[in-house]
């Protein structure tokens, strides 16, 4: 890395791109839409512009907010056993331990599966809406996008979905399970989030919101 730093010492910073995985440094180049620039060392995608990706990302971010809101209030799961039944919403699941030592776990789960997806979607909208509609970037757009990226590893909707699937398999023999609308909305949220993250070309976003 020392040699690479020496080679690019005189290059302008806005003309360089660093690999987020192995820190290899490259001179940025124009990449045609639909093509990709990858790291020669670890093959991480560095630049991957797509036509009309901005509008698709905005649509997916709005869909994420709608799905989270719907998943909070529609029934998530119903359990029937011996003539008794219990129905819960996603909010009930996330806040199942309102007091005691497990309150910390409840708060962490709520933040990971409810708050963070909404916050990330809002930050993406704040960053990209002006850019997509050919308007100047909003104040603090760079900080908003950086915060969205820093929250990405902590938004664990897919981990919660896998945990639910494992739990359902374990209790399927003990009771009759009925999946509510919120379950499918939450599953759709996981898919939407993955697609959105795949569509975002972070180099293109940084270049579009950076001051000229």
N, C-alpha and C. Protein backbone atom coordinates (compact mmCIF):
# COMPACT_ATOMS: atom_id res chain seq x y z
N UNK A 1 0.83 -1.21 0.00
CA UNK A 1 0.00 0.00 0.00
C UNK A 1 0.86 1.25 0.00
N UNK A 2 2.06 1.15 0.57
CA UNK A 2 2.94 2.31 0.58
C UNK A 2 3.32 2.72 -0.84
N UNK A 3 3.58 1.73 -1.70
CA UNK A 3 3.92 2.06 -3.07
C UNK A 3 2.75 2.73 -3.77
N UNK A 4 1.55 2.23 -3.55
CA UNK A 4 0.39 2.82 -4.18
C UNK A 4 0.17 4.24 -3.72
N UNK A 5 0.40 4.50 -2.43
CA UNK A 5 0.26 5.85 -1.91
C UNK A 5 1.25 6.78 -2.59
N UNK A 6 2.44 6.32 -2.80
CA UNK A 6 3.47 7.16 -3.45
C UNK A 6 3.09 7.45 -4.90
N UNK A 7 2.56 6.45 -5.60
CA UNK A 7 2.20 6.63 -6.99
C UNK A 7 1.11 7.68 -7.15
N UNK A 8 0.13 7.69 -6.25
CA UNK A 8 -1.02 8.58 -6.38
C UNK A 8 -0.91 9.81 -5.49
N UNK A 9 0.29 10.09 -5.00
CA UNK A 9 0.45 11.20 -4.05
C UNK A 9 0.06 12.53 -4.66
N UNK A 10 0.33 12.73 -5.95
CA UNK A 10 0.06 14.01 -6.59
C UNK A 10 -1.28 14.04 -7.30
N UNK A 11 -2.05 12.98 -7.26
CA UNK A 11 -3.33 12.93 -7.95
C UNK A 11 -4.40 13.61 -7.11
N UNK A 12 -5.35 14.33 -7.76
CA UNK A 12 -6.45 14.94 -6.99
C UNK A 12 -7.30 13.87 -6.35
N UNK A 13 -7.79 14.15 -5.13
CA UNK A 13 -8.54 13.15 -4.39
C UNK A 13 -9.82 12.75 -5.10
N UNK A 14 -10.48 13.72 -5.81
CA UNK A 14 -11.72 13.38 -6.47
C UNK A 14 -11.50 12.51 -7.70
N UNK A 15 -10.25 12.25 -8.05
CA UNK A 15 -9.96 11.38 -9.17
C UNK A 15 -9.53 9.99 -8.75
N UNK A 16 -9.63 9.69 -7.46
CA UNK A 16 -9.21 8.40 -6.94
C UNK A 16 -10.41 7.67 -6.33
N UNK A 17 -10.33 6.36 -6.35
CA UNK A 17 -11.35 5.54 -5.71
C UNK A 17 -10.63 4.42 -4.96
N UNK A 18 -11.05 4.22 -3.71
CA UNK A 18 -10.43 3.19 -2.86
C UNK A 18 -11.38 2.01 -2.72
N UNK A 19 -10.83 0.83 -2.74
CA UNK A 19 -11.63 -0.38 -2.54
C UNK A 19 -12.07 -0.44 -1.08
N UNK A 20 -13.36 -0.60 -0.81
CA UNK A 20 -13.83 -0.63 0.58
C UNK A 20 -13.43 -1.90 1.33
N UNK A 21 -12.97 -2.92 0.60
CA UNK A 21 -12.62 -4.18 1.25
C UNK A 21 -11.13 -4.30 1.55
N UNK A 22 -10.28 -3.99 0.55
CA UNK A 22 -8.84 -4.20 0.73
C UNK A 22 -8.03 -2.91 0.69
N UNK A 23 -8.70 -1.75 0.51
CA UNK A 23 -8.05 -0.44 0.53
C UNK A 23 -7.12 -0.20 -0.66
N UNK A 24 -7.21 -1.00 -1.69
CA UNK A 24 -6.42 -0.72 -2.90
C UNK A 24 -6.91 0.59 -3.52
N UNK A 25 -5.98 1.38 -4.05
CA UNK A 25 -6.29 2.70 -4.56
C UNK A 25 -6.16 2.72 -6.08
N UNK A 26 -7.17 3.30 -6.75
CA UNK A 26 -7.19 3.33 -8.21
C UNK A 26 -7.54 4.73 -8.70
N UNK A 27 -7.12 5.01 -9.92
CA UNK A 27 -7.58 6.21 -10.60
C UNK A 27 -8.98 5.93 -11.14
N UNK A 28 -9.92 6.81 -10.82
CA UNK A 28 -11.30 6.62 -11.28
C UNK A 28 -11.39 6.88 -12.78
N UNK A 29 -12.22 6.13 -13.45
CA UNK A 29 -12.43 6.29 -14.89
C UNK A 29 -13.91 6.24 -15.18
N UNK A 30 -14.31 6.81 -16.31
CA UNK A 30 -15.71 6.75 -16.71
C UNK A 30 -16.06 5.31 -17.09
N UNK A 31 -17.13 4.81 -16.49
CA UNK A 31 -17.59 3.46 -16.77
C UNK A 31 -18.94 3.56 -17.46
N UNK A 32 -19.11 2.94 -18.63
CA UNK A 32 -20.40 3.01 -19.34
C UNK A 32 -21.51 2.40 -18.50
N UNK A 33 -22.72 2.95 -18.57
CA UNK A 33 -23.85 2.37 -17.85
C UNK A 33 -24.03 0.90 -18.21
N UNK A 34 -24.24 0.09 -17.20
CA UNK A 34 -24.39 -1.34 -17.40
C UNK A 34 -23.10 -2.12 -17.25
N UNK A 35 -21.96 -1.42 -17.23
CA UNK A 35 -20.67 -2.07 -17.02
C UNK A 35 -20.23 -1.87 -15.57
N UNK A 36 -19.15 -2.55 -15.18
CA UNK A 36 -18.67 -2.47 -13.82
C UNK A 36 -17.15 -2.35 -13.79
N UNK A 37 -16.66 -1.60 -12.82
CA UNK A 37 -15.23 -1.57 -12.53
C UNK A 37 -15.02 -2.31 -11.21
N UNK A 38 -14.15 -3.31 -11.22
CA UNK A 38 -13.94 -4.12 -10.03
C UNK A 38 -12.49 -4.03 -9.57
N UNK A 39 -12.28 -4.31 -8.31
CA UNK A 39 -10.94 -4.30 -7.74
C UNK A 39 -10.15 -5.48 -8.28
N UNK A 40 -8.95 -5.22 -8.76
CA UNK A 40 -8.12 -6.29 -9.32
C UNK A 40 -7.61 -7.22 -8.23
N UNK A 41 -7.60 -6.75 -6.99
CA UNK A 41 -7.06 -7.57 -5.90
C UNK A 41 -8.11 -8.49 -5.29
N UNK A 42 -9.30 -7.95 -4.96
CA UNK A 42 -10.31 -8.75 -4.26
C UNK A 42 -11.62 -8.86 -5.03
N UNK A 43 -11.70 -8.21 -6.20
CA UNK A 43 -12.85 -8.31 -7.10
C UNK A 43 -14.11 -7.67 -6.54
N UNK A 44 -13.96 -6.75 -5.59
CA UNK A 44 -15.10 -5.98 -5.11
C UNK A 44 -15.52 -4.98 -6.17
N UNK A 45 -16.84 -4.82 -6.36
CA UNK A 45 -17.33 -3.85 -7.34
C UNK A 45 -17.09 -2.43 -6.82
N UNK A 46 -16.40 -1.61 -7.61
CA UNK A 46 -16.08 -0.25 -7.21
C UNK A 46 -17.02 0.77 -7.85
N UNK A 47 -17.29 0.61 -9.13
CA UNK A 47 -18.16 1.53 -9.87
C UNK A 47 -19.09 0.69 -10.73
N UNK A 48 -20.39 0.96 -10.63
CA UNK A 48 -21.35 0.17 -11.42
C UNK A 48 -22.57 1.02 -11.78
N UNK A 49 -22.39 2.02 -12.64
CA UNK A 49 -23.53 2.87 -13.00
C UNK A 49 -24.57 2.11 -13.81
N UNK A 50 -25.83 2.46 -13.60
CA UNK A 50 -26.94 1.88 -14.36
C UNK A 50 -27.88 2.98 -14.80
N UNK A 51 -28.44 2.84 -15.97
CA UNK A 51 -29.40 3.82 -16.47
C UNK A 51 -30.67 3.79 -15.63
N UNK A 52 -31.14 4.99 -15.29
CA UNK A 52 -32.39 5.16 -14.54
C UNK A 52 -32.34 4.48 -13.17
N UNK A 53 -31.15 4.22 -12.66
CA UNK A 53 -31.04 3.58 -11.35
C UNK A 53 -31.54 4.50 -10.23
N UNK A 54 -31.33 5.80 -10.38
CA UNK A 54 -31.74 6.73 -9.34
C UNK A 54 -33.23 6.66 -9.07
N UNK A 55 -34.05 6.66 -10.12
CA UNK A 55 -35.49 6.60 -9.92
C UNK A 55 -35.90 5.26 -9.33
N UNK A 56 -35.22 4.19 -9.74
CA UNK A 56 -35.53 2.87 -9.18
C UNK A 56 -35.20 2.82 -7.69
N UNK A 57 -34.07 3.42 -7.30
CA UNK A 57 -33.68 3.43 -5.89
C UNK A 57 -34.66 4.24 -5.07
N UNK A 58 -35.11 5.38 -5.60
CA UNK A 58 -36.10 6.19 -4.90
C UNK A 58 -37.40 5.41 -4.71
N UNK A 59 -37.83 4.72 -5.75
CA UNK A 59 -39.06 3.92 -5.66
C UNK A 59 -38.92 2.82 -4.61
N UNK A 60 -37.77 2.17 -4.58
CA UNK A 60 -37.55 1.11 -3.60
C UNK A 60 -37.48 1.65 -2.18
N UNK A 61 -36.90 2.85 -2.02
CA UNK A 61 -36.84 3.45 -0.69
C UNK A 61 -38.24 3.79 -0.19
N UNK A 62 -39.09 4.33 -1.08
CA UNK A 62 -40.47 4.60 -0.69
C UNK A 62 -41.21 3.30 -0.37
N UNK A 63 -40.96 2.26 -1.16
CA UNK A 63 -41.58 0.97 -0.90
C UNK A 63 -41.16 0.43 0.46
N UNK A 64 -39.89 0.63 0.84
CA UNK A 64 -39.42 0.17 2.14
C UNK A 64 -40.18 0.82 3.28
N UNK A 65 -40.40 2.12 3.17
CA UNK A 65 -41.14 2.83 4.22
C UNK A 65 -42.56 2.32 4.33
N UNK A 66 -43.22 2.12 3.18
CA UNK A 66 -44.59 1.62 3.18
C UNK A 66 -44.66 0.21 3.76
N UNK A 67 -43.70 -0.63 3.39
CA UNK A 67 -43.70 -2.02 3.87
C UNK A 67 -43.47 -2.09 5.37
N UNK A 68 -42.55 -1.28 5.88
CA UNK A 68 -42.30 -1.28 7.33
C UNK A 68 -43.54 -0.80 8.08
N UNK A 69 -44.16 0.28 7.58
CA UNK A 69 -45.37 0.80 8.25
C UNK A 69 -46.48 -0.24 8.24
N UNK A 70 -46.67 -0.92 7.11
CA UNK A 70 -47.71 -1.93 7.04
C UNK A 70 -47.40 -3.14 7.90
N UNK A 71 -46.13 -3.56 7.90
CA UNK A 71 -45.75 -4.73 8.69
C UNK A 71 -45.88 -4.49 10.19
N UNK A 72 -45.84 -3.23 10.61
CA UNK A 72 -45.96 -2.92 12.03
C UNK A 72 -47.37 -3.17 12.56
N UNK A 73 -48.38 -2.94 11.74
CA UNK A 73 -49.74 -2.92 12.26
C UNK A 73 -50.60 -4.09 11.78
N UNK A 74 -50.28 -4.69 10.64
CA UNK A 74 -51.04 -5.86 10.21
C UNK A 74 -50.60 -7.08 11.02
N UNK A 75 -51.46 -8.08 11.14
CA UNK A 75 -51.07 -9.31 11.89
C UNK A 75 -49.84 -9.96 11.26
N UNK A 76 -48.90 -10.34 12.09
CA UNK A 76 -47.67 -10.98 11.64
C UNK A 76 -47.78 -12.51 11.69
N UNK A 77 -48.37 -13.01 12.77
CA UNK A 77 -48.44 -14.45 12.97
C UNK A 77 -49.59 -14.77 13.92
N UNK A 78 -50.25 -15.90 13.61
CA UNK A 78 -51.30 -16.39 14.50
C UNK A 78 -50.99 -17.84 14.85
N UNK A 79 -51.09 -18.17 16.14
CA UNK A 79 -50.81 -19.52 16.62
C UNK A 79 -52.09 -20.09 17.24
N UNK A 80 -52.52 -21.24 16.75
CA UNK A 80 -53.70 -21.93 17.27
C UNK A 80 -53.28 -23.26 17.89
N UNK A 81 -53.71 -23.51 19.10
CA UNK A 81 -53.43 -24.79 19.75
C UNK A 81 -54.48 -25.08 20.81
N UNK A 82 -55.09 -26.26 20.75
CA UNK A 82 -56.07 -26.73 21.73
C UNK A 82 -57.23 -25.75 21.91
N UNK A 83 -57.67 -25.19 20.81
CA UNK A 83 -58.81 -24.28 20.86
C UNK A 83 -58.47 -22.86 21.27
N UNK A 84 -57.22 -22.61 21.62
CA UNK A 84 -56.79 -21.27 21.98
C UNK A 84 -55.94 -20.69 20.85
N UNK A 85 -55.96 -19.38 20.75
CA UNK A 85 -55.16 -18.76 19.71
C UNK A 85 -54.55 -17.47 20.21
N UNK A 86 -53.43 -17.11 19.61
CA UNK A 86 -52.72 -15.88 19.94
C UNK A 86 -52.23 -15.25 18.65
N UNK A 87 -52.50 -13.97 18.50
CA UNK A 87 -52.10 -13.24 17.30
C UNK A 87 -51.19 -12.09 17.68
N UNK A 88 -50.17 -11.85 16.89
CA UNK A 88 -49.20 -10.81 17.22
C UNK A 88 -48.85 -10.02 15.96
N UNK A 89 -48.58 -8.75 16.16
CA UNK A 89 -48.07 -7.91 15.09
C UNK A 89 -46.55 -7.85 15.20
N UNK A 90 -45.92 -7.28 14.19
CA UNK A 90 -44.47 -7.14 14.24
C UNK A 90 -44.05 -6.24 15.39
N UNK A 91 -44.85 -5.24 15.68
CA UNK A 91 -44.55 -4.36 16.81
C UNK A 91 -44.60 -5.14 18.12
N UNK A 92 -45.57 -6.05 18.26
CA UNK A 92 -45.64 -6.89 19.46
C UNK A 92 -44.40 -7.76 19.59
N UNK A 93 -43.95 -8.31 18.45
CA UNK A 93 -42.75 -9.14 18.47
C UNK A 93 -41.52 -8.34 18.89
N UNK A 94 -41.39 -7.14 18.31
CA UNK A 94 -40.21 -6.32 18.58
C UNK A 94 -40.18 -5.79 20.00
N UNK A 95 -41.36 -5.60 20.60
CA UNK A 95 -41.43 -5.03 21.96
C UNK A 95 -41.96 -6.06 22.94
N UNK A 96 -41.59 -7.30 22.76
CA UNK A 96 -42.11 -8.38 23.61
C UNK A 96 -41.54 -8.36 25.02
N UNK A 97 -40.47 -7.59 25.25
CA UNK A 97 -39.87 -7.50 26.59
C UNK A 97 -39.81 -6.03 27.00
N UNK A 98 -40.96 -5.46 27.45
CA UNK A 98 -41.00 -4.02 27.74
C UNK A 98 -40.30 -3.62 29.03
N UNK A 99 -40.03 -4.58 29.91
CA UNK A 99 -39.39 -4.25 31.20
C UNK A 99 -38.35 -5.31 31.51
N UNK A 100 -37.53 -5.00 32.50
CA UNK A 100 -36.54 -5.97 32.95
C UNK A 100 -35.27 -5.93 32.14
N UNK A 101 -34.36 -6.88 32.44
CA UNK A 101 -33.07 -6.89 31.76
C UNK A 101 -33.16 -7.08 30.24
N UNK A 102 -34.22 -7.77 29.78
CA UNK A 102 -34.36 -8.02 28.34
C UNK A 102 -34.88 -6.81 27.58
N UNK A 103 -35.11 -5.70 28.29
CA UNK A 103 -35.54 -4.48 27.61
C UNK A 103 -34.50 -4.03 26.60
N UNK A 104 -33.21 -4.22 26.94
CA UNK A 104 -32.14 -3.83 26.01
C UNK A 104 -32.23 -4.63 24.72
N UNK A 105 -32.53 -5.93 24.86
CA UNK A 105 -32.69 -6.78 23.67
C UNK A 105 -33.87 -6.30 22.84
N UNK A 106 -34.98 -5.96 23.50
CA UNK A 106 -36.16 -5.49 22.79
C UNK A 106 -35.89 -4.20 22.04
N UNK A 107 -35.17 -3.28 22.67
CA UNK A 107 -34.84 -2.01 22.01
C UNK A 107 -33.93 -2.25 20.81
N UNK A 108 -32.95 -3.15 20.98
CA UNK A 108 -32.02 -3.44 19.88
C UNK A 108 -32.74 -4.07 18.70
N UNK A 109 -33.66 -5.00 18.98
CA UNK A 109 -34.42 -5.65 17.90
C UNK A 109 -35.30 -4.63 17.19
N UNK A 110 -35.98 -3.79 17.96
CA UNK A 110 -36.84 -2.76 17.36
C UNK A 110 -36.04 -1.83 16.46
N UNK A 111 -34.86 -1.43 16.93
CA UNK A 111 -34.03 -0.54 16.13
C UNK A 111 -33.56 -1.22 14.85
N UNK A 112 -33.17 -2.49 14.95
CA UNK A 112 -32.59 -3.19 13.81
C UNK A 112 -33.61 -3.50 12.73
N UNK A 113 -34.85 -3.82 13.13
CA UNK A 113 -35.83 -4.27 12.13
C UNK A 113 -36.88 -3.23 11.78
N UNK A 114 -36.98 -2.16 12.57
CA UNK A 114 -38.01 -1.15 12.32
C UNK A 114 -37.40 0.22 12.07
N UNK A 115 -36.63 0.72 13.03
CA UNK A 115 -36.15 2.10 12.96
C UNK A 115 -35.11 2.27 11.86
N UNK A 116 -34.10 1.41 11.83
CA UNK A 116 -33.00 1.60 10.89
C UNK A 116 -33.45 1.51 9.43
N UNK A 117 -34.30 0.55 9.03
CA UNK A 117 -34.75 0.56 7.64
C UNK A 117 -35.45 1.85 7.23
N UNK A 118 -36.27 2.41 8.14
CA UNK A 118 -36.96 3.66 7.83
C UNK A 118 -35.97 4.82 7.75
N UNK A 119 -35.02 4.87 8.70
CA UNK A 119 -34.03 5.95 8.70
C UNK A 119 -33.17 5.89 7.44
N UNK A 120 -32.72 4.69 7.06
CA UNK A 120 -31.89 4.55 5.85
C UNK A 120 -32.66 4.97 4.61
N UNK A 121 -33.93 4.56 4.51
CA UNK A 121 -34.74 4.94 3.36
C UNK A 121 -34.92 6.45 3.30
N UNK A 122 -35.16 7.08 4.45
CA UNK A 122 -35.33 8.53 4.49
C UNK A 122 -34.04 9.25 4.08
N UNK A 123 -32.90 8.75 4.53
CA UNK A 123 -31.63 9.37 4.17
C UNK A 123 -31.34 9.23 2.67
N UNK A 124 -31.68 8.07 2.10
CA UNK A 124 -31.50 7.86 0.66
C UNK A 124 -32.38 8.83 -0.12
N UNK A 125 -33.63 8.99 0.31
CA UNK A 125 -34.52 9.93 -0.37
C UNK A 125 -34.00 11.35 -0.26
N UNK A 126 -33.53 11.73 0.91
CA UNK A 126 -33.00 13.08 1.11
C UNK A 126 -31.81 13.34 0.19
N UNK A 127 -31.00 12.31 -0.02
CA UNK A 127 -29.80 12.46 -0.84
C UNK A 127 -30.10 12.45 -2.32
N UNK A 128 -30.94 11.53 -2.77
CA UNK A 128 -31.06 11.27 -4.21
C UNK A 128 -32.17 12.03 -4.91
N UNK A 129 -33.24 12.39 -4.21
CA UNK A 129 -34.36 13.04 -4.89
C UNK A 129 -33.93 14.30 -5.64
N UNK A 130 -33.20 15.23 -5.01
CA UNK A 130 -32.78 16.42 -5.79
C UNK A 130 -31.87 16.05 -6.97
N UNK A 131 -30.98 15.10 -6.78
CA UNK A 131 -30.04 14.73 -7.84
C UNK A 131 -30.77 14.13 -9.03
N UNK A 132 -31.71 13.23 -8.77
CA UNK A 132 -32.44 12.57 -9.84
C UNK A 132 -33.27 13.56 -10.64
N UNK A 133 -33.79 14.57 -9.97
CA UNK A 133 -34.62 15.57 -10.64
C UNK A 133 -33.83 16.81 -11.04
N UNK A 134 -32.51 16.63 -11.18
CA UNK A 134 -31.62 17.67 -11.72
C UNK A 134 -31.67 18.96 -10.92
N UNK A 135 -31.67 18.82 -9.62
CA UNK A 135 -31.62 19.98 -8.74
C UNK A 135 -30.34 19.93 -7.91
N UNK A 136 -29.92 21.06 -7.35
CA UNK A 136 -28.71 21.03 -6.53
C UNK A 136 -28.87 20.11 -5.33
N UNK A 137 -27.78 19.50 -4.94
CA UNK A 137 -27.82 18.62 -3.77
C UNK A 137 -28.23 19.41 -2.53
N UNK A 138 -28.96 18.79 -1.65
CA UNK A 138 -29.42 19.45 -0.44
C UNK A 138 -28.27 19.63 0.54
N UNK A 139 -28.41 20.60 1.46
CA UNK A 139 -27.38 20.78 2.48
C UNK A 139 -27.17 19.50 3.28
N UNK A 140 -25.93 19.19 3.56
CA UNK A 140 -25.56 18.02 4.33
C UNK A 140 -25.93 16.70 3.65
N UNK A 141 -26.09 16.74 2.32
CA UNK A 141 -26.41 15.51 1.59
C UNK A 141 -25.29 14.48 1.75
N UNK A 142 -24.06 14.95 1.72
CA UNK A 142 -22.93 14.03 1.85
C UNK A 142 -22.95 13.35 3.21
N UNK A 143 -23.25 14.10 4.26
CA UNK A 143 -23.32 13.49 5.60
C UNK A 143 -24.49 12.53 5.70
N UNK A 144 -25.61 12.88 5.06
CA UNK A 144 -26.77 11.99 5.09
C UNK A 144 -26.45 10.66 4.41
N UNK A 145 -25.78 10.73 3.26
CA UNK A 145 -25.45 9.50 2.55
C UNK A 145 -24.40 8.70 3.32
N UNK A 146 -23.44 9.39 3.92
CA UNK A 146 -22.43 8.69 4.73
C UNK A 146 -23.08 7.99 5.92
N UNK A 147 -24.05 8.64 6.55
CA UNK A 147 -24.76 8.02 7.68
C UNK A 147 -25.55 6.81 7.20
N UNK A 148 -26.19 6.92 6.05
CA UNK A 148 -26.92 5.79 5.50
C UNK A 148 -26.00 4.59 5.26
N UNK A 149 -24.81 4.86 4.75
CA UNK A 149 -23.86 3.78 4.50
C UNK A 149 -23.34 3.17 5.81
N UNK A 150 -23.13 4.02 6.81
CA UNK A 150 -22.63 3.50 8.09
C UNK A 150 -23.68 2.67 8.81
N UNK A 151 -24.96 2.92 8.54
CA UNK A 151 -26.04 2.17 9.19
C UNK A 151 -26.34 0.86 8.46
N UNK A 152 -25.83 0.71 7.25
CA UNK A 152 -26.18 -0.47 6.44
C UNK A 152 -25.86 -1.79 7.15
N UNK A 153 -24.69 -1.96 7.77
CA UNK A 153 -24.44 -3.26 8.43
C UNK A 153 -25.34 -3.53 9.63
N UNK A 154 -25.95 -2.47 10.19
CA UNK A 154 -26.75 -2.63 11.40
C UNK A 154 -28.23 -2.83 11.09
N UNK A 155 -28.64 -2.66 9.85
CA UNK A 155 -30.03 -2.90 9.47
C UNK A 155 -30.20 -4.39 9.19
N UNK A 156 -30.73 -5.12 10.15
CA UNK A 156 -30.67 -6.58 10.12
C UNK A 156 -32.04 -7.21 9.88
N UNK A 157 -32.80 -6.66 8.96
CA UNK A 157 -34.12 -7.23 8.68
C UNK A 157 -34.00 -8.66 8.18
N UNK A 158 -32.98 -8.92 7.35
CA UNK A 158 -32.83 -10.28 6.81
C UNK A 158 -32.45 -11.27 7.90
N UNK A 159 -31.66 -10.83 8.90
CA UNK A 159 -31.30 -11.71 10.02
C UNK A 159 -32.54 -12.06 10.83
N UNK A 160 -33.39 -11.07 11.06
CA UNK A 160 -34.64 -11.32 11.78
C UNK A 160 -35.53 -12.28 11.01
N UNK A 161 -35.58 -12.13 9.68
CA UNK A 161 -36.40 -13.02 8.85
C UNK A 161 -35.91 -14.46 8.96
N UNK A 162 -34.59 -14.65 8.93
CA UNK A 162 -34.03 -16.00 9.06
C UNK A 162 -34.35 -16.57 10.45
N UNK A 163 -34.23 -15.75 11.48
CA UNK A 163 -34.55 -16.20 12.83
C UNK A 163 -36.02 -16.61 12.96
N UNK A 164 -36.91 -15.84 12.32
CA UNK A 164 -38.33 -16.20 12.34
C UNK A 164 -38.57 -17.53 11.65
N UNK A 165 -37.91 -17.73 10.50
CA UNK A 165 -38.07 -18.98 9.76
C UNK A 165 -37.63 -20.18 10.60
N UNK A 166 -36.51 -20.04 11.29
CA UNK A 166 -36.02 -21.13 12.14
C UNK A 166 -36.99 -21.40 13.29
N UNK A 167 -37.51 -20.34 13.90
CA UNK A 167 -38.46 -20.51 15.01
C UNK A 167 -39.75 -21.17 14.55
N UNK A 168 -40.23 -20.77 13.36
CA UNK A 168 -41.47 -21.36 12.86
C UNK A 168 -41.32 -22.85 12.60
N UNK A 169 -40.16 -23.24 12.09
CA UNK A 169 -39.93 -24.67 11.85
C UNK A 169 -39.95 -25.44 13.16
N UNK A 170 -39.40 -24.85 14.22
CA UNK A 170 -39.32 -25.56 15.50
C UNK A 170 -40.67 -25.72 16.18
N UNK A 171 -41.58 -24.75 15.99
CA UNK A 171 -42.87 -24.82 16.70
C UNK A 171 -43.99 -25.31 15.79
N UNK A 172 -43.68 -25.63 14.54
CA UNK A 172 -44.73 -26.06 13.61
C UNK A 172 -45.42 -27.33 14.07
N UNK A 173 -44.70 -28.22 14.78
CA UNK A 173 -45.28 -29.48 15.25
C UNK A 173 -46.08 -29.32 16.54
N UNK A 174 -45.97 -28.16 17.16
CA UNK A 174 -46.64 -27.96 18.45
C UNK A 174 -47.94 -27.20 18.33
N UNK A 175 -48.12 -26.46 17.22
CA UNK A 175 -49.31 -25.64 17.06
C UNK A 175 -49.56 -25.40 15.58
N UNK A 176 -50.76 -24.91 15.29
CA UNK A 176 -51.11 -24.54 13.91
C UNK A 176 -50.74 -23.09 13.69
N UNK A 177 -49.92 -22.85 12.69
CA UNK A 177 -49.43 -21.51 12.43
C UNK A 177 -50.13 -20.92 11.21
N UNK A 178 -50.49 -19.65 11.33
CA UNK A 178 -51.08 -18.92 10.21
C UNK A 178 -50.28 -17.64 10.01
N UNK A 179 -49.71 -17.48 8.83
CA UNK A 179 -48.91 -16.30 8.54
C UNK A 179 -49.82 -15.15 8.11
N UNK A 180 -49.63 -13.99 8.75
CA UNK A 180 -50.43 -12.83 8.43
C UNK A 180 -49.84 -11.99 7.33
N UNK A 181 -50.55 -10.93 6.90
CA UNK A 181 -50.05 -10.05 5.84
C UNK A 181 -48.70 -9.43 6.18
N UNK A 182 -48.48 -9.13 7.46
CA UNK A 182 -47.23 -8.48 7.86
C UNK A 182 -46.02 -9.37 7.60
N UNK A 183 -46.21 -10.69 7.72
CA UNK A 183 -45.10 -11.60 7.47
C UNK A 183 -44.62 -11.47 6.02
N UNK A 184 -45.57 -11.45 5.09
CA UNK A 184 -45.20 -11.35 3.68
C UNK A 184 -44.70 -9.95 3.32
N UNK A 185 -45.21 -8.93 4.00
CA UNK A 185 -44.70 -7.58 3.79
C UNK A 185 -43.26 -7.47 4.27
N UNK A 186 -42.98 -8.12 5.40
CA UNK A 186 -41.62 -8.08 5.92
C UNK A 186 -40.67 -8.85 5.01
N UNK A 187 -41.14 -9.99 4.47
CA UNK A 187 -40.32 -10.74 3.52
C UNK A 187 -40.04 -9.89 2.28
N UNK A 188 -41.06 -9.16 1.82
CA UNK A 188 -40.87 -8.28 0.67
C UNK A 188 -39.88 -7.16 1.00
N UNK A 189 -39.91 -6.67 2.25
CA UNK A 189 -38.97 -5.63 2.68
C UNK A 189 -37.53 -6.11 2.55
N UNK A 190 -37.28 -7.36 2.96
CA UNK A 190 -35.93 -7.91 2.85
C UNK A 190 -35.47 -7.94 1.40
N UNK A 191 -36.35 -8.37 0.50
CA UNK A 191 -36.00 -8.43 -0.92
C UNK A 191 -35.76 -7.03 -1.48
N UNK A 192 -36.64 -6.09 -1.13
CA UNK A 192 -36.51 -4.72 -1.61
C UNK A 192 -35.19 -4.10 -1.13
N UNK A 193 -34.85 -4.34 0.12
CA UNK A 193 -33.61 -3.78 0.67
C UNK A 193 -32.38 -4.32 -0.04
N UNK A 194 -32.37 -5.62 -0.31
CA UNK A 194 -31.24 -6.23 -1.01
C UNK A 194 -31.10 -5.66 -2.42
N UNK A 195 -32.23 -5.54 -3.13
CA UNK A 195 -32.19 -5.00 -4.49
C UNK A 195 -31.72 -3.55 -4.48
N UNK A 196 -32.20 -2.77 -3.52
CA UNK A 196 -31.80 -1.37 -3.43
C UNK A 196 -30.30 -1.23 -3.22
N UNK A 197 -29.76 -2.03 -2.30
CA UNK A 197 -28.32 -1.95 -2.04
C UNK A 197 -27.51 -2.38 -3.25
N UNK A 198 -28.04 -3.30 -4.04
CA UNK A 198 -27.33 -3.73 -5.24
C UNK A 198 -27.36 -2.66 -6.33
N UNK A 199 -28.41 -1.85 -6.37
CA UNK A 199 -28.55 -0.84 -7.42
C UNK A 199 -27.70 0.39 -7.16
N UNK A 200 -27.42 0.67 -5.89
CA UNK A 200 -26.71 1.90 -5.55
C UNK A 200 -25.26 1.82 -6.02
N UNK A 201 -24.88 2.74 -6.89
CA UNK A 201 -23.47 2.90 -7.26
C UNK A 201 -22.93 4.04 -6.39
N UNK A 202 -22.21 3.68 -5.36
CA UNK A 202 -21.80 4.67 -4.37
C UNK A 202 -20.86 5.71 -4.95
N UNK A 203 -20.01 5.32 -5.88
CA UNK A 203 -19.13 6.29 -6.52
C UNK A 203 -19.93 7.34 -7.28
N UNK A 204 -20.96 6.91 -7.99
CA UNK A 204 -21.79 7.84 -8.75
C UNK A 204 -22.53 8.79 -7.83
N UNK A 205 -23.02 8.27 -6.70
CA UNK A 205 -23.74 9.12 -5.75
C UNK A 205 -22.80 10.16 -5.15
N UNK A 206 -21.61 9.73 -4.73
CA UNK A 206 -20.67 10.69 -4.15
C UNK A 206 -20.29 11.77 -5.15
N UNK A 207 -20.09 11.38 -6.40
CA UNK A 207 -19.71 12.37 -7.40
C UNK A 207 -20.85 13.35 -7.68
N UNK A 208 -22.09 12.86 -7.63
CA UNK A 208 -23.24 13.73 -7.95
C UNK A 208 -23.56 14.71 -6.83
N UNK A 209 -23.21 14.37 -5.58
CA UNK A 209 -23.55 15.27 -4.47
C UNK A 209 -22.35 16.09 -4.01
N UNK A 210 -21.17 15.82 -4.57
CA UNK A 210 -19.99 16.59 -4.17
C UNK A 210 -20.02 17.96 -4.81
N UNK A 211 -19.61 19.00 -4.09
CA UNK A 211 -19.58 20.34 -4.67
C UNK A 211 -18.59 20.41 -5.82
N UNK A 212 -18.98 21.12 -6.88
CA UNK A 212 -18.11 21.27 -8.04
C UNK A 212 -17.00 22.27 -7.75
